[in-house]
Amino acid sequence: MKLSLALILILSSAFVFGQTAELSFSETQFQFPDTIAGPTLSHDFHFTNKGTAPLVFTDFKVECTCTKVIFPKKPILPGEKGKLTVTFDTKGKQYWQNRIIEIYSNSKRNPAKIRIKVYIN
């Protein structure tokens, strides 16, 4: 409850002063090496908050439940760096797999999109 209240105060003060968060990834696509079906693959997408307000992640969307995103729970302050970890479960998959992941936050570009690809033998 206290964290929620603090988060609301941070975000509302940013809106009052016209400040915005700006999510900037160092890369927006990653291709895993060819693999066989079975393992869960993982990749970290590194980012910086280039805005003037704290960056807060709220959700992600992707077409398949085989893909998950782990993002920071705490606000990322202006100028701070962080990472999103994307995992992809290859069980039961074959051929080319291409996942576009929408990342939702309070960034001025919302949703941001990142992509993973892999060929499964």
Protein backbone atom coordinates (compact mmCIF):
# COMPACT_ATOMS: atom_id res chain seq x y z
CA MET A 1 0.00 0.00 0.00
CA LYS A 2 2.78 2.44 0.91
CA LEU A 3 4.67 1.59 -2.30
CA SER A 4 1.52 2.19 -4.37
CA LEU A 5 0.96 5.56 -2.73
CA ALA A 6 4.59 6.55 -3.27
CA LEU A 7 4.39 5.50 -6.91
CA ILE A 8 1.22 7.54 -7.45
CA LEU A 9 2.87 10.60 -5.90
CA ILE A 10 5.98 10.23 -8.08
CA LEU A 11 3.94 9.85 -11.25
CA SER A 12 1.50 12.65 -10.47
CA SER A 13 4.32 15.08 -9.67
CA ALA A 14 5.93 14.21 -13.01
CA PHE A 15 2.71 15.06 -14.85
CA VAL A 16 2.29 18.35 -13.01
CA PHE A 17 5.73 19.58 -14.03
CA GLY A 18 5.51 18.27 -17.62
CA GLN A 19 8.21 15.67 -17.08
CA THR A 20 8.16 12.40 -19.00
CA ALA A 21 10.01 9.12 -18.86
CA GLU A 22 11.76 7.98 -22.04
CA LEU A 23 12.59 4.31 -22.51
CA SER A 24 15.62 3.85 -24.77
CA PHE A 25 16.88 0.32 -25.55
CA SER A 26 20.50 -0.37 -26.57
CA GLU A 27 19.03 -3.01 -28.95
CA THR A 28 15.45 -3.83 -29.91
CA GLN A 29 16.05 -7.19 -31.63
CA PHE A 30 17.93 -10.33 -30.71
CA GLN A 31 18.40 -13.56 -32.65
CA PHE A 32 19.30 -16.65 -30.66
CA PRO A 33 21.59 -19.25 -32.23
CA ASP A 34 19.78 -22.17 -33.90
CA THR A 35 18.67 -24.66 -31.26
CA ILE A 36 16.74 -27.86 -30.74
CA ALA A 37 13.32 -27.88 -29.10
CA GLY A 38 13.32 -28.20 -25.33
CA PRO A 39 15.37 -25.58 -23.49
CA THR A 40 14.17 -22.21 -22.26
CA LEU A 41 16.21 -19.43 -23.85
CA SER A 42 16.90 -16.12 -22.11
CA HIS A 43 18.16 -12.71 -23.23
CA ASP A 44 18.59 -9.38 -21.41
CA PHE A 45 17.52 -6.20 -23.20
CA HIS A 46 19.39 -3.28 -21.64
CA PHE A 47 17.80 0.17 -21.49
CA THR A 48 18.25 3.71 -20.18
CA ASN A 49 15.62 6.14 -18.92
CA LYS A 50 16.52 9.17 -21.05
CA GLY A 51 13.55 11.16 -19.80
CA THR A 52 13.08 13.59 -16.95
CA ALA A 53 10.64 11.51 -14.86
CA PRO A 54 10.93 8.07 -13.23
CA LEU A 55 10.20 5.18 -15.62
CA VAL A 56 7.65 2.63 -14.40
CA PHE A 57 6.91 -0.64 -16.21
CA THR A 58 3.33 -1.86 -16.03
CA ASP A 59 2.84 -4.83 -18.39
CA PHE A 60 3.85 -6.68 -21.53
CA LYS A 61 1.95 -8.38 -24.35
CA VAL A 62 3.09 -11.12 -26.70
CA GLU A 63 1.16 -13.59 -28.88
CA CYS A 64 2.35 -16.73 -27.06
CA THR A 65 2.49 -17.74 -23.40
CA CYS A 66 5.86 -19.38 -24.17
CA THR A 67 7.42 -15.90 -23.96
CA LYS A 68 7.77 -14.05 -20.65
CA VAL A 69 9.28 -10.72 -19.60
CA ILE A 70 10.78 -9.90 -16.22
CA PHE A 71 11.05 -6.16 -15.66
CA PRO A 72 12.12 -4.00 -12.70
CA LYS A 73 9.48 -3.52 -10.02
CA LYS A 74 10.93 -0.21 -8.78
CA PRO A 75 10.85 3.05 -10.75
CA ILE A 76 13.95 3.71 -12.88
CA LEU A 77 15.11 7.27 -12.23
CA PRO A 78 16.13 9.64 -15.06
CA GLY A 79 19.55 8.65 -16.41
CA GLU A 80 19.49 5.22 -14.75
CA LYS A 81 20.06 2.00 -16.68
CA GLY A 82 18.29 -1.32 -16.27
CA LYS A 83 17.37 -4.51 -18.05
CA LEU A 84 14.36 -6.52 -19.14
CA THR A 85 14.87 -10.28 -19.23
CA VAL A 86 12.97 -12.12 -21.97
CA THR A 87 12.58 -15.89 -21.74
CA PHE A 88 11.33 -18.17 -24.52
CA ASP A 89 10.29 -21.78 -23.92
CA THR A 90 11.18 -23.82 -27.03
CA LYS A 91 9.27 -26.98 -26.01
CA GLY A 92 7.02 -28.14 -28.83
CA LYS A 93 8.28 -25.44 -31.22
CA GLN A 94 9.87 -25.91 -34.64
CA TYR A 95 11.21 -23.85 -37.54
CA TRP A 96 11.45 -20.06 -37.32
CA GLN A 97 10.01 -18.43 -34.22
CA ASN A 98 9.57 -14.66 -34.28
CA ARG A 99 8.10 -12.87 -31.25
CA ILE A 100 7.30 -9.17 -31.08
CA ILE A 101 6.87 -8.10 -27.47
CA GLU A 102 5.02 -4.92 -26.54
CA ILE A 103 6.37 -3.29 -23.38
CA TYR A 104 3.98 -1.01 -21.48
CA SER A 105 5.24 1.75 -19.21
CA ASN A 106 4.78 5.46 -18.56
CA SER A 107 7.29 6.26 -21.31
CA LYS A 108 6.28 8.81 -23.92
CA ARG A 109 6.61 6.04 -26.58
CA ASN A 110 4.12 3.46 -25.38
CA PRO A 111 4.10 0.60 -26.05
CA ALA A 112 7.74 0.07 -26.94
CA LYS A 113 8.46 -3.01 -29.05
CA ILE A 114 11.29 -5.51 -28.86
CA ARG A 115 11.75 -8.72 -30.84
CA ILE A 116 13.35 -12.14 -30.43
CA LYS A 117 13.94 -14.70 -33.18
CA VAL A 118 15.21 -18.28 -33.20
CA TYR A 119 15.30 -21.21 -35.60
CA ILE A 120 14.41 -24.49 -33.91
CA ASN A 121 15.55 -27.75 -35.52
